[in-house]
PDB file of N, CA and C in Angstrom:
ATOM      1  N   ILE A   1      17.961  10.275 -35.087  1.00  0.00           N
ATOM      2  CA  ILE A   1      18.961   9.690 -34.830  1.00  0.00           C
ATOM      3  C   ILE A   1      19.740  10.713 -34.053  1.00  0.00           C
ATOM      4  N   GLN A   2      20.805  10.221 -33.152  1.00  0.00           N
ATOM      5  CA  GLN A   2      21.670  11.209 -32.518  1.00  0.00           C
ATOM      6  C   GLN A   2      22.925  11.010 -33.355  1.00  0.00           C
ATOM      7  N   PHE A   3      23.950  12.018 -33.486  1.00  0.00           N
ATOM      8  CA  PHE A   3      25.434  12.431 -34.181  1.00  0.00           C
ATOM      9  C   PHE A   3      25.806  12.662 -33.207  1.00  0.00           C
ATOM     10  N   THR A   4      27.306  12.262 -33.087  1.00  0.00           N
ATOM     11  CA  THR A   4      28.460  12.657 -32.519  1.00  0.00           C
ATOM     12  C   THR A   4      28.782  14.071 -32.914  1.00  0.00           C
ATOM     13  N   LYS A   5      29.488  14.599 -31.956  1.00  0.00           N
ATOM     14  CA  LYS A   5      29.759  15.879 -32.308  1.00  0.00           C
ATOM     15  C   LYS A   5      30.872  16.216 -33.747  1.00  0.00           C
ATOM     16  N   ASN A   6      31.610  14.905 -33.942  1.00  0.00           N
ATOM     17  CA  ASN A   6      32.573  14.973 -35.172  1.00  0.00           C
ATOM     18  C   ASN A   6      31.418  14.913 -36.309  1.00  0.00           C
ATOM     19  N   GLU A   7      30.487  14.145 -35.955  1.00  0.00           N
ATOM     20  CA  GLU A   7      29.514  14.071 -37.219  1.00  0.00           C
ATOM     21  C   GLU A   7      28.699  15.168 -37.413  1.00  0.00           C
ATOM     22  N   GLU A   8      28.179  15.808 -36.216  1.00  0.00           N
ATOM     23  CA  GLU A   8      27.478  17.126 -36.653  1.00  0.00           C
ATOM     24  C   GLU A   8      28.348  18.075 -37.392  1.00  0.00           C
ATOM     25  N   LEU A   9      29.479  18.352 -36.797  1.00  0.00           N
ATOM     26  CA  LEU A   9      30.550  19.139 -37.340  1.00  0.00           C
ATOM     27  C   LEU A   9      30.947  19.186 -39.047  1.00  0.00           C
ATOM     28  N   LEU A  10      30.883  17.311 -39.361  1.00  0.00           N
ATOM     29  CA  LEU A  10      31.060  17.325 -40.832  1.00  0.00           C
ATOM     30  C   LEU A  10      30.091  17.780 -41.478  1.00  0.00           C
ATOM     31  N   ILE A  11      28.354  17.479 -41.046  1.00  0.00           N
ATOM     32  CA  ILE A  11      27.170  17.620 -41.708  1.00  0.00           C
ATOM     33  C   ILE A  11      27.258  19.329 -41.909  1.00  0.00           C
ATOM     34  N   GLU A  12      27.598  19.912 -40.852  1.00  0.00           N
ATOM     35  CA  GLU A  12      27.668  21.598 -41.020  1.00  0.00           C
ATOM     36  C   GLU A  12      28.418  21.748 -41.959  1.00  0.00           C
ATOM     37  N   SER A  13      29.485  21.267 -42.033  1.00  0.00           N
ATOM     38  CA  SER A  13      30.838  21.703 -42.977  1.00  0.00           C
ATOM     39  C   SER A  13      30.221  21.346 -44.372  1.00  0.00           C
ATOM     40  N   LEU A  14      29.479  20.320 -44.688  1.00  0.00           N
ATOM     41  CA  LEU A  14      28.973  19.833 -46.048  1.00  0.00           C
ATOM     42  C   LEU A  14      27.620  20.864 -46.258  1.00  0.00           C
ATOM     43  N   LEU A  15      27.044  20.980 -45.491  1.00  0.00           N
ATOM     44  CA  LEU A  15      25.739  21.876 -45.572  1.00  0.00           C
ATOM     45  C   LEU A  15      26.190  23.260 -45.937  1.00  0.00           C
ATOM     46  N   GLU A  16      27.222  23.890 -45.324  1.00  0.00           N
ATOM     47  CA  GLU A  16      28.048  25.093 -45.502  1.00  0.00           C
ATOM     48  C   GLU A  16      28.672  25.363 -47.089  1.00  0.00           C
ATOM     49  N   GLN A  17      29.293  24.110 -47.096  1.00  0.00           N
ATOM     50  CA  GLN A  17      29.810  24.289 -48.609  1.00  0.00           C
ATOM     51  C   GLN A  17      28.796  24.167 -49.724  1.00  0.00           C
ATOM     52  N   CYS A  18      27.548  23.357 -49.602  1.00  0.00           N
ATOM     53  CA  CYS A  18      26.707  23.208 -50.532  1.00  0.00           C
ATOM     54  C   CYS A  18      26.157  24.553 -50.555  1.00  0.00           C
ATOM     55  N   ARG A  19      25.990  25.358 -49.605  1.00  0.00           N
ATOM     56  CA  ARG A  19      25.172  26.771 -49.742  1.00  0.00           C
ATOM     57  C   ARG A  19      26.035  27.497 -50.819  1.00  0.00           C
ATOM     58  N   ASP A  20      27.408  27.617 -50.280  1.00  0.00           N
ATOM     59  CA  ASP A  20      28.268  28.183 -50.968  1.00  0.00           C
ATOM     60  C   ASP A  20      28.407  28.266 -52.350  1.00  0.00           C
ATOM     61  N   GLY A  21      28.661  26.874 -52.788  1.00  0.00           N
ATOM     62  CA  GLY A  21      28.534  26.263 -54.093  1.00  0.00           C
ATOM     63  C   GLY A  21      30.068  26.154 -54.368  1.00  0.00           C
ATOM     64  N   SER A  22      30.833  25.493 -53.363  1.00  0.00           N
ATOM     65  CA  SER A  22      31.863  25.623 -53.243  1.00  0.00           C
ATOM     66  C   SER A  22      32.225  23.878 -53.226  1.00  0.00           C
ATOM     67  N   ILE A  23      31.410  23.009 -53.427  1.00  0.00           N
ATOM     68  CA  ILE A  23      31.432  21.742 -52.849  1.00  0.00           C
ATOM     69  C   ILE A  23      31.807  20.875 -54.249  1.00  0.00           C
ATOM     70  N   ASN A  24      32.325  20.189 -54.167  1.00  0.00           N
ATOM     71  CA  ASN A  24      32.965  19.202 -55.783  1.00  0.00           C
ATOM     72  C   ASN A  24      32.115  18.009 -55.300  1.00  0.00           C
ATOM     73  N   THR A  25      31.066  18.000 -56.033  1.00  0.00           N
ATOM     74  CA  THR A  25      30.337  16.569 -56.026  1.00  0.00           C
ATOM     75  C   THR A  25      31.044  15.382 -56.320  1.00  0.00           C
ATOM     76  N   ASP A  26      31.872  15.369 -57.001  1.00  0.00           N
ATOM     77  CA  ASP A  26      32.561  13.830 -57.380  1.00  0.00           C
ATOM     78  C   ASP A  26      33.355  13.664 -56.375  1.00  0.00           C
ATOM     79  N   GLU A  27      34.130  14.769 -55.391  1.00  0.00           N
ATOM     80  CA  GLU A  27      34.903  14.345 -54.626  1.00  0.00           C
ATOM     81  C   GLU A  27      33.968  14.004 -53.528  1.00  0.00           C
ATOM     82  N   LEU A  28      32.967  14.990 -53.086  1.00  0.00           N
ATOM     83  CA  LEU A  28      31.958  14.380 -52.076  1.00  0.00           C
ATOM     84  C   LEU A  28      31.584  12.707 -52.011  1.00  0.00           C
ATOM     85  N   SER A  29      31.013  12.489 -53.413  1.00  0.00           N
ATOM     86  CA  SER A  29      30.644  11.254 -53.593  1.00  0.00           C
ATOM     87  C   SER A  29      31.876  10.196 -53.454  1.00  0.00           C
ATOM     88  N   LYS A  30      32.975  10.555 -54.014  1.00  0.00           N
ATOM     89  CA  LYS A  30      33.686   9.520 -53.510  1.00  0.00           C
ATOM     90  C   LYS A  30      34.272   9.316 -51.805  1.00  0.00           C
ATOM     91  N   ASP A  31      34.280  10.632 -51.261  1.00  0.00           N
ATOM     92  CA  ASP A  31      34.343  10.613 -49.660  1.00  0.00           C
ATOM     93  C   ASP A  31      33.345   9.669 -49.310  1.00  0.00           C
ATOM     94  N   LEU A  32      32.180  10.061 -49.656  1.00  0.00           N
ATOM     95  CA  LEU A  32      30.857   9.298 -48.850  1.00  0.00           C
ATOM     96  C   LEU A  32      30.965   7.761 -49.288  1.00  0.00           C
ATOM     97  N   SER A  33      31.185   7.481 -50.189  1.00  0.00           N
ATOM     98  CA  SER A  33      31.546   6.311 -50.539  1.00  0.00           C
ATOM     99  C   SER A  33      32.624   5.519 -49.966  1.00  0.00           C
ATOM    100  N   SER A  34      33.719   5.960 -49.772  1.00  0.00           N
ATOM    101  CA  SER A  34      34.882   5.698 -48.587  1.00  0.00           C
ATOM    102  C   SER A  34      34.510   5.393 -47.268  1.00  0.00           C
ATOM    103  N   GLN A  35      33.717   6.522 -46.939  1.00  0.00           N
ATOM    104  CA  GLN A  35      33.284   6.205 -45.267  1.00  0.00           C
ATOM    105  C   GLN A  35      32.179   5.245 -45.151  1.00  0.00           C
ATOM    106  N   LEU A  36      31.172   4.763 -46.167  1.00  0.00           N
ATOM    107  CA  LEU A  36      30.659   4.092 -46.317  1.00  0.00           C
ATOM    108  C   LEU A  36      30.818   2.571 -46.395  1.00  0.00           C
ATOM    109  N   LEU A  37      32.022   2.351 -47.279  1.00  0.00           N
ATOM    110  CA  LEU A  37      32.760   1.361 -47.509  1.00  0.00           C
ATOM    111  C   LEU A  37      33.290   0.998 -45.782  1.00  0.00           C
ATOM    112  N   GLU A  38      34.126   2.062 -45.156  1.00  0.00           N
ATOM    113  CA  GLU A  38      34.758   1.699 -43.874  1.00  0.00           C
ATOM    114  C   GLU A  38      33.320   1.453 -43.150  1.00  0.00           C
ATOM    115  N   LEU A  39      32.314   1.912 -43.165  1.00  0.00           N
ATOM    116  CA  LEU A  39      31.621   1.532 -42.162  1.00  0.00           C
ATOM    117  C   LEU A  39      31.021   0.020 -42.238  1.00  0.00           C
ATOM    118  N   GLU A  40      30.814  -0.077 -43.497  1.00  0.00           N
ATOM    119  CA  GLU A  40      30.408  -1.505 -43.813  1.00  0.00           C
ATOM    120  C   GLU A  40      31.477  -2.609 -43.368  1.00  0.00           C
ATOM    121  N   GLN A  41      32.679  -2.221 -43.551  1.00  0.00           N
ATOM    122  CA  GLN A  41      33.602  -3.151 -43.210  1.00  0.00           C
ATOM    123  C   GLN A  41      33.913  -3.388 -41.562  1.00  0.00           C
ATOM    124  N   THR A  42      33.573  -1.987 -40.804  1.00  0.00           N
ATOM    125  CA  THR A  42      33.562  -2.354 -39.295  1.00  0.00           C
ATOM    126  C   THR A  42      32.448  -3.211 -39.068  1.00  0.00           C
ATOM    127  N   ASN A  43      30.834  -2.898 -39.838  1.00  0.00           N
ATOM    128  CA  ASN A  43      30.041  -3.873 -39.161  1.00  0.00           C
ATOM    129  C   ASN A  43      29.940  -5.154 -39.780  1.00  0.00           C
ATOM    130  N   ILE A  44      30.687  -5.877 -40.485  1.00  0.00           N
ATOM    131  CA  ILE A  44      31.012  -6.861 -40.717  1.00  0.00           C
ATOM    132  C   ILE A  44      32.461  -7.251 -40.165  1.00  0.00           C
ATOM    133  N   ASN A  45      33.270  -6.491 -39.574  1.00  0.00           N
ATOM    134  CA  ASN A  45      34.099  -7.226 -38.281  1.00  0.00           C
ATOM    135  C   ASN A  45      33.313  -7.552 -37.192  1.00  0.00           C
ATOM    136  N   ASP A  46      32.475  -6.365 -36.730  1.00  0.00           N
ATOM    137  CA  ASP A  46      31.508  -6.663 -35.648  1.00  0.00           C
ATOM    138  C   ASP A  46      30.853  -7.590 -35.746  1.00  0.00           C
ATOM    139  N   LEU A  47      30.228  -7.932 -36.794  1.00  0.00           N
ATOM    140  CA  LEU A  47      29.343  -9.390 -36.642  1.00  0.00           C
ATOM    141  C   LEU A  47      30.040 -10.441 -36.668  1.00  0.00           C
ATOM    142  N   ILE A  48      31.416 -10.225 -37.204  1.00  0.00           N
ATOM    143  CA  ILE A  48      32.228 -11.843 -37.177  1.00  0.00           C
ATOM    144  C   ILE A  48      33.066 -12.048 -36.071  1.00  0.00           C
ATOM    145  N   ALA A  49      32.903 -10.838 -35.301  1.00  0.00           N
ATOM    146  CA  ALA A  49      33.418 -10.868 -33.799  1.00  0.00           C
ATOM    147  C   ALA A  49      32.343 -11.633 -33.292  1.00  0.00           C
ATOM    148  N   SER A  50      31.147 -10.952 -33.151  1.00  0.00           N
ATOM    149  CA  SER A  50      30.036 -11.324 -32.179  1.00  0.00           C
ATOM    150  C   SER A  50      29.707 -12.733 -32.772  1.00  0.00           C
ATOM    151  N   GLU A  51      29.853 -13.270 -33.889  1.00  0.00           N
ATOM    152  CA  GLU A  51      29.629 -14.495 -34.177  1.00  0.00           C
ATOM    153  C   GLU A  51      30.564 -15.778 -33.591  1.00  0.00           C
ATOM    154  N   LYS A  52      31.660 -15.402 -33.548  1.00  0.00           N
ATOM    155  CA  LYS A  52      32.407 -15.912 -32.449  1.00  0.00           C
ATOM    156  C   LYS A  52      32.197 -16.229 -31.296  1.00  0.00           C
ATOM    157  N   VAL A  53      32.001 -14.776 -30.834  1.00  0.00           N
ATOM    158  CA  VAL A  53      31.590 -15.104 -29.416  1.00  0.00           C
ATOM    159  C   VAL A  53      30.113 -16.106 -29.005  1.00  0.00           C
ATOM    160  N   ILE A  54      29.177 -15.763 -29.781  1.00  0.00           N
ATOM    161  CA  ILE A  54      28.029 -16.653 -29.765  1.00  0.00           C
ATOM    162  C   ILE A  54      28.546 -18.094 -30.463  1.00  0.00           C
ATOM    163  N   LYS A  55      29.441 -18.764 -30.814  1.00  0.00           N
ATOM    164  CA  LYS A  55      29.884 -19.868 -30.901  1.00  0.00           C
ATOM    165  C   LYS A  55      30.381 -20.098 -29.685  1.00  0.00           C
ATOM    166  N   ASN A  56      31.251 -19.138 -29.184  1.00  0.00           N
ATOM    167  CA  ASN A  56      32.038 -19.741 -27.771  1.00  0.00           C
ATOM    168  C   ASN A  56      30.868 -19.959 -26.799  1.00  0.00           C
ATOM    169  N   VAL A  57      30.016 -19.414 -26.530  1.00  0.00           N
ATOM    170  CA  VAL A  57      28.722 -19.503 -25.561  1.00  0.00           C
ATOM    171  C   VAL A  57      28.193 -20.582 -26.010  1.00  0.00           C
ATOM    172  N   ILE A  58      27.763 -20.790 -27.394  1.00  0.00           N
ATOM    173  CA  ILE A  58      27.439 -22.129 -27.447  1.00  0.00           C
ATOM    174  C   ILE A  58      27.915 -23.518 -27.588  1.00  0.00           C
ATOM    175  N   ASN A  59      29.390 -23.243 -27.626  1.00  0.00           N
ATOM    176  CA  ASN A  59      30.238 -24.342 -27.414  1.00  0.00           C
ATOM    177  C   ASN A  59      30.157 -24.583 -25.327  1.00  0.00           C
ATOM    178  N   ASP A  60      30.280 -23.392 -24.885  1.00  0.00           N
ATOM    179  CA  ASP A  60      30.125 -23.447 -23.430  1.00  0.00           C
ATOM    180  C   ASP A  60      28.962 -24.076 -22.828  1.00  0.00           C
ATOM    181  N   LEU A  61      27.951 -23.546 -23.306  1.00  0.00           N
ATOM    182  CA  LEU A  61      26.352 -24.280 -22.915  1.00  0.00           C
ATOM    183  C   LEU A  61      26.569 -25.723 -23.496  1.00  0.00           C
ATOM    184  N   ASP A  62      26.815 -25.964 -24.518  1.00  0.00           N
ATOM    185  CA  ASP A  62      27.063 -27.732 -24.373  1.00  0.00           C
ATOM    186  C   ASP A  62      28.155 -28.348 -23.780  1.00  0.00           C
ATOM    187  N   SER A  63      28.830 -27.735 -23.697  1.00  0.00           N
ATOM    188  CA  SER A  63      29.548 -28.706 -22.607  1.00  0.00           C
ATOM    189  C   SER A  63      28.852 -28.606 -21.274  1.00  0.00           C
ATOM    190  N   ILE A  64      28.408 -27.356 -20.911  1.00  0.00           N
ATOM    191  CA  ILE A  64      27.764 -27.647 -19.530  1.00  0.00           C
ATOM    192  C   ILE A  64      26.419 -28.472 -19.405  1.00  0.00           C
ATOM    193  N   LEU A  65      25.981 -28.479 -20.482  1.00  0.00           N
ATOM    194  CA  LEU A  65      24.525 -29.526 -20.692  1.00  0.00           C
ATOM    195  C   LEU A  65      25.076 -30.825 -20.680  1.00  0.00           C
ATOM    196  N   ASN A  66      26.483 -31.364 -21.063  1.00  0.00           N
ATOM    197  CA  ASN A  66      27.182 -32.703 -21.087  1.00  0.00           C
ATOM    198  C   ASN A  66      27.453 -33.089 -19.757  1.00  0.00           C
ATOM    199  N   GLN A  67      27.766 -31.890 -18.977  1.00  0.00           N
ATOM    200  CA  GLN A  67      28.345 -32.116 -17.645  1.00  0.00           C
ATOM    201  C   GLN A  67      27.521 -32.523 -16.679  1.00  0.00           C
ATOM    202  N   VAL A  68      25.962 -31.857 -16.951  1.00  0.00           N
ATOM    203  CA  VAL A  68      24.895 -31.817 -16.074  1.00  0.00           C
ATOM    204  C   VAL A  68      24.285 -33.258 -16.570  1.00  0.00           C
ATOM    205  N   LYS A  69      24.446 -33.663 -17.786  1.00  0.00           N
ATOM    206  CA  LYS A  69      23.963 -35.171 -18.227  1.00  0.00           C
ATOM    207  C   LYS A  69      24.890 -36.078 -17.377  1.00  0.00           C
ATOM    208  N   GLN A  70      26.285 -35.606 -17.152  1.00  0.00           N
ATOM    209  CA  GLN A  70      26.865 -37.015 -16.463  1.00  0.00           C
ATOM    210  C   GLN A  70      26.198 -36.962 -15.177  1.00  0.00           C
ATOM    211  N   VAL A  71      26.537 -35.912 -14.394  1.00  0.00           N
ATOM    212  CA  VAL A  71      25.723 -35.586 -13.390  1.00  0.00           C
ATOM    213  C   VAL A  71      24.513 -36.379 -12.979  1.00  0.00           C
ATOM    214  N   ASP A  72      23.527 -36.157 -13.607  1.00  0.00           N
ATOM    215  CA  ASP A  72      22.042 -36.411 -13.879  1.00  0.00           C
ATOM    216  C   ASP A  72      22.483 -38.421 -13.915  1.00  0.00           C
ATOM    217  N   GLU A  73      23.321 -38.794 -14.480  1.00  0.00           N
ATOM    218  CA  GLU A  73      23.610 -40.071 -14.566  1.00  0.00           C
ATOM    219  C   GLU A  73      24.203 -40.764 -13.607  1.00  0.00           C
ATOM    220  N   TRP A  74      24.976 -40.105 -12.811  1.00  0.00           N
ATOM    221  CA  TRP A  74      25.915 -40.781 -11.727  1.00  0.00           C
ATOM    222  C   TRP A  74      24.882 -40.567 -10.622  1.00  0.00           C
ATOM    223  N   LEU A  75      23.750 -39.602 -10.570  1.00  0.00           N
ATOM    224  CA  LEU A  75      22.886 -39.543  -9.615  1.00  0.00           C
ATOM    225  C   LEU A  75      21.900 -40.909  -9.703  1.00  0.00           C
ATOM    226  N   SER A  76      21.411 -40.842 -10.541  1.00  0.00           N
ATOM    227  CA  SER A  76      20.516 -42.238 -11.308  1.00  0.00           C
ATOM    228  C   SER A  76      21.274 -43.360 -10.854  1.00  0.00           C
ATOM    229  N   ARG A  77      22.620 -43.692 -11.026  1.00  0.00           N
ATOM    230  CA  ARG A  77      23.218 -44.831 -10.843  1.00  0.00           C
ATOM    231  C   ARG A  77      23.152 -44.882  -9.004  1.00  0.00           C
ATOM    232  N   TYR A  78      23.633 -43.784  -8.255  1.00  0.00           N
ATOM    233  CA  TYR A  78      24.101 -43.476  -6.795  1.00  0.00           C
ATOM    234  C   TYR A  78      22.425 -43.960  -6.346  1.00  0.00           C
ATOM    235  N   ASN A  79      21.409 -43.324  -7.054  1.00  0.00           N
ATOM    236  CA  ASN A  79      20.114 -43.705  -6.681  1.00  0.00           C
ATOM    237  C   ASN A  79      19.887 -45.140  -6.473  1.00  0.00           C
ATOM    238  N   LEU A  80      19.883 -45.763  -7.568  1.00  0.00           N
ATOM    239  CA  LEU A  80      19.981 -47.372  -7.508  1.00  0.00           C
ATOM    240  C   LEU A  80      20.635 -47.906  -6.553  1.00  0.00           C
ATOM    241  N   GLN A  81      21.711 -47.858  -6.212  1.00  0.00           N
ATOM    242  CA  GLN A  81      22.728 -48.384  -5.109  1.00  0.00           C
ATOM    243  C   GLN A  81      22.600 -47.996  -3.694  1.00  0.00           C
ATOM    244  N   LEU A  82      21.471 -47.142  -3.642  1.00  0.00           N
ATOM    245  CA  LEU A  82      20.775 -46.598  -2.333  1.00  0.00           C
ATOM    246  C   LEU A  82      19.684 -47.530  -2.159  1.00  0.00           C
ATOM    247  N   LYS A  83      18.995 -47.480  -2.996  1.00  0.00           N
ATOM    248  CA  LYS A  83      17.599 -48.383  -3.535  1.00  0.00           C
ATOM    249  C   LYS A  83      17.859 -50.087  -2.869  1.00  0.00           C
ATOM    250  N   SER A  84      19.103 -50.303  -3.868  1.00  0.00           N
ATOM    251  CA  SER A  84      19.647 -51.801  -3.258  1.00  0.00           C
ATOM    252  C   SER A  84      20.055 -51.884  -1.708  1.00  0.00           C
ATOM    253  N   MET A  85      20.758 -50.823  -1.416  1.00  0.00           N
ATOM    254  CA  MET A  85      21.207 -50.742  -0.296  1.00  0.00           C
ATOM    255  C   MET A  85      20.150 -51.004   0.999  1.00  0.00           C
ATOM    256  N   LYS A  86      19.025 -50.339   0.788  1.00  0.00           N
ATOM    257  CA  LYS A  86      17.813 -50.262   1.438  1.00  0.00           C
ATOM    258  C   LYS A  86      17.046 -51.651   1.455  1.00  0.00           C
ATOM    259  N   LYS A  87      17.092 -52.075   0.428  1.00  0.00           N
ATOM    260  CA  LYS A  87      16.180 -53.370   0.443  1.00  0.00           C
ATOM    261  C   LYS A  87      17.352 -54.657   1.114  1.00  0.00           C
ATOM    262  N   TYR A  88      18.834 -54.214   1.169  1.00  0.00           N
ATOM    263  CA  TYR A  88      19.596 -55.227   1.999  1.00  0.00           C
ATOM    264  C   TYR A  88      19.429 -55.107   3.273  1.00  0.00           C
ATOM    265  N   ILE A  89      19.144 -53.464   3.838  1.00  0.00           N
ATOM    266  CA  ILE A  89      19.001 -53.289   5.237  1.00  0.00           C
ATOM    267  C   ILE A  89      17.993 -53.994   5.604  1.00  0.00           C
ATOM    268  N   ASN A  90      16.933 -53.732   4.948  1.00  0.00           N
ATOM    269  CA  ASN A  90      15.093 -54.196   5.613  1.00  0.00           C
ATOM    270  C   ASN A  90      15.354 -55.892   5.557  1.00  0.00           C
ATOM    271  N   LYS A  91      16.168 -56.557   4.799  1.00  0.00           N
ATOM    272  CA  LYS A  91      15.985 -57.921   5.020  1.00  0.00           C
ATOM    273  C   LYS A  91      16.961 -58.650   6.201  1.00  0.00           C
ATOM    274  N   ILE A  92      18.197 -57.528   6.371  1.00  0.00           N
ATOM    275  CA  ILE A  92      18.833 -58.060   7.723  1.00  0.00           C
ATOM    276  C   ILE A  92      18.072 -57.284   8.769  1.00  0.00           C
ATOM    277  N   ASN A  93      17.253 -56.252   8.988  1.00  0.00           N
ATOM    278  CA  ASN A  93      16.447 -56.185   9.656  1.00  0.00           C
ATOM    279  C   ASN A  93      15.267 -57.342   9.964  1.00  0.00           C
ATOM    280  N   SER A  94      14.826 -57.774   9.148  1.00  0.00           N
ATOM    281  CA  SER A  94      13.653 -58.723   9.048  1.00  0.00           C
ATOM    282  C   SER A  94      14.279 -59.965   9.810  1.00  0.00           C
ATOM    283  N   GLU A  95      15.562 -60.288   9.193  1.00  0.00           N
ATOM    284  CA  GLU A  95      16.150 -61.628   9.809  1.00  0.00           C
ATOM    285  C   GLU A  95      16.486 -61.502  11.191  1.00  0.00           C
ATOM    286  N   ASN A  96      17.157 -60.336  11.391  1.00  0.00           N
ATOM    287  CA  ASN A  96      17.458 -59.978  12.948  1.00  0.00           C
ATOM    288  C   ASN A  96      15.983 -60.135  13.804  1.00  0.00           C
ATOM    289  N   GLU A  97      14.842 -59.545  13.394  1.00  0.00           N
ATOM    290  CA  GLU A  97      14.371 -59.807  14.249  1.00  0.00           C
ATOM    291  C   GLU A  97      13.404 -61.086  14.162  1.00  0.00           C
ATOM    292  N   THR A  98      13.769 -61.866  13.107  1.00  0.00           N
ATOM    293  CA  THR A  98      13.153 -63.271  13.270  1.00  0.00           C
ATOM    294  C   THR A  98      13.818 -63.757  14.105  1.00  0.00           C
ATOM    295  N   LEU A  99      15.551 -63.714  14.327  1.00  0.00           N
ATOM    296  CA  LEU A  99      16.323 -64.007  15.264  1.00  0.00           C
ATOM    297  C   LEU A  99      16.069 -64.060  16.310  1.00  0.00           C
ATOM    298  N   GLU A 100      15.407 -62.746  16.864  1.00  0.00           N
ATOM    299  CA  GLU A 100      15.252 -62.302  18.323  1.00  0.00           C
ATOM    300  C   GLU A 100      14.200 -62.612  18.577  1.00  0.00           C
ATOM    301  N   ILE A 101      12.984 -63.105  17.473  1.00  0.00           N
ATOM    302  CA  ILE A 101      11.936 -63.759  18.061  1.00  0.00           C
ATOM    303  C   ILE A 101      12.511 -65.431  18.900  1.00  0.00           C
ATOM    304  N   ASN A 102      12.835 -65.956  17.981  1.00  0.00           N
ATOM    305  CA  ASN A 102      13.428 -67.365  17.786  1.00  0.00           C
ATOM    306  C   ASN A 102      14.087 -67.487  19.213  1.00  0.00           C
ATOM    307  N   ASN A 103      15.430 -66.465  19.344  1.00  0.00           N
ATOM    308  CA  ASN A 103      15.647 -66.394  20.714  1.00  0.00           C
ATOM    309  C   ASN A 103      14.961 -66.204  22.081  1.00  0.00           C
ATOM    310  N   LYS A 104      13.881 -65.187  21.743  1.00  0.00           N
ATOM    311  CA  LYS A 104      12.966 -65.020  23.024  1.00  0.00           C
ATOM    312  C   LYS A 104      12.231 -66.791  23.313  1.00  0.00           C
ATOM    313  N   LYS A 105      11.921 -67.442  21.825  1.00  0.00           N
ATOM    314  CA  LYS A 105      11.163 -68.010  22.207  1.00  0.00           C
ATOM    315  C   LYS A 105      11.807 -69.125  23.072  1.00  0.00           C
ATOM    316  N   LYS A 106      13.165 -69.483  22.408  1.00  0.00           N
ATOM    317  CA  LYS A 106      14.128 -70.488  23.161  1.00  0.00           C
ATOM    318  C   LYS A 106      14.157 -70.173  24.902  1.00  0.00           C
ATOM    319  N   GLU A 107      14.546 -68.692  25.287  1.00  0.00           N
ATOM    320  CA  GLU A 107      14.536 -68.578  26.470  1.00  0.00           C
ATOM    321  C   GLU A 107      13.410 -68.867  27.093  1.00  0.00           C
ATOM    322  N   ILE A 108      12.050 -68.668  26.397  1.00  0.00           N
ATOM    323  CA  ILE A 108      11.074 -69.220  27.105  1.00  0.00           C
ATOM    324  C   ILE A 108      10.772 -70.571  27.537  1.00  0.00           C
ATOM    325  N   SER A 109      11.357 -71.349  26.294  1.00  0.00           N
ATOM    326  CA  SER A 109      11.156 -72.842  26.404  1.00  0.00           C
ATOM    327  C   SER A 109      12.213 -73.346  27.373  1.00  0.00           C
ATOM    328  N   ILE A 110      13.437 -72.433  27.424  1.00  0.00           N
ATOM    329  CA  ILE A 110      14.236 -73.162  28.681  1.00  0.00           C
ATOM    330  C   ILE A 110      13.821 -72.868  29.874  1.00  0.00           C
ATOM    331  N   GLU A 111      13.355 -71.836  29.952  1.00  0.00           N
ATOM    332  CA  GLU A 111      12.957 -71.326  31.375  1.00  0.00           C
ATOM    333  C   GLU A 111      11.495 -72.380  31.757  1.00  0.00           C
ATOM    334  N   GLU A 112      11.111 -73.026  30.916  1.00  0.00           N
ATOM    335  CA  GLU A 112       9.887 -73.828  31.169  1.00  0.00           C
ATOM    336  C   GLU A 112      10.282 -75.362  31.760  1.00  0.00           C
ATOM    337  N   GLU A 113      11.321 -75.556  30.750  1.00  0.00           N
ATOM    338  CA  GLU A 113      11.985 -76.604  31.274  1.00  0.00           C
ATOM    339  C   GLU A 113      12.735 -76.694  32.396  1.00  0.00           C
ATOM    340  N   ILE A 114      13.412 -75.564  33.027  1.00  0.00           N
ATOM    341  CA  ILE A 114      13.896 -75.721  34.016  1.00  0.00           C
ATOM    342  C   ILE A 114      12.491 -75.861  35.174  1.00  0.00           C
ATOM    343  N   LYS A 115      11.736 -74.947  34.918  1.00  0.00           N
ATOM    344  CA  LYS A 115      10.640 -74.821  35.851  1.00  0.00           C
ATOM    345  C   LYS A 115      10.209 -76.399  36.047  1.00  0.00           C
ATOM    346  N   GLU A 116      10.109 -77.035  35.054  1.00  0.00           N
ATOM    347  CA  GLU A 116       9.415 -78.412  35.021  1.00  0.00           C
ATOM    348  C   GLU A 116      10.162 -79.266  35.763  1.00  0.00           C
ATOM    349  N   ASP A 117      11.898 -79.259  35.487  1.00  0.00           N
ATOM    350  CA  ASP A 117      12.990 -79.773  36.088  1.00  0.00           C
ATOM    351  C   ASP A 117      12.781 -79.515  37.562  1.00  0.00           C
ATOM    352  N   MET A 118      12.743 -78.576  37.950  1.00  0.00           N
ATOM    353  CA  MET A 118      12.433 -78.295  39.476  1.00  0.00           C
ATOM    354  C   MET A 118      11.252 -78.597  40.065  1.00  0.00           C
ATOM    355  N   MET A 119      10.331 -78.971  39.410  1.00  0.00           N
ATOM    356  CA  MET A 119       9.033 -79.263  40.034  1.00  0.00           C
ATOM    357  C   MET A 119       8.893 -80.987  40.269  1.00  0.00           C
TER     358      MET A 119
END
């Protein structure tokens, strides 16, 4: 156990008084009881203060967790929209390819008709 300088001086003083026989045990008991009550009150206050801090941290963590859940939900909806857009784009591309093939066929057909008419 490490003592502060004041605690060391107090202990030395008490030991000196015990050696001299000049100590009043009733008074010493009252002083020690009073100091003990002060220390207990300080400990209780520290516990209450730390409990408030812990509650604040827990509340902050709950708030952050809720925000993370909201972001996750938003990302899920966004992902669904992107998938839907991808399907739509693929459909348009497919239709476009079909139109291009049909146009090519028509061009070839027109070219063949022109050749036949020229003959």
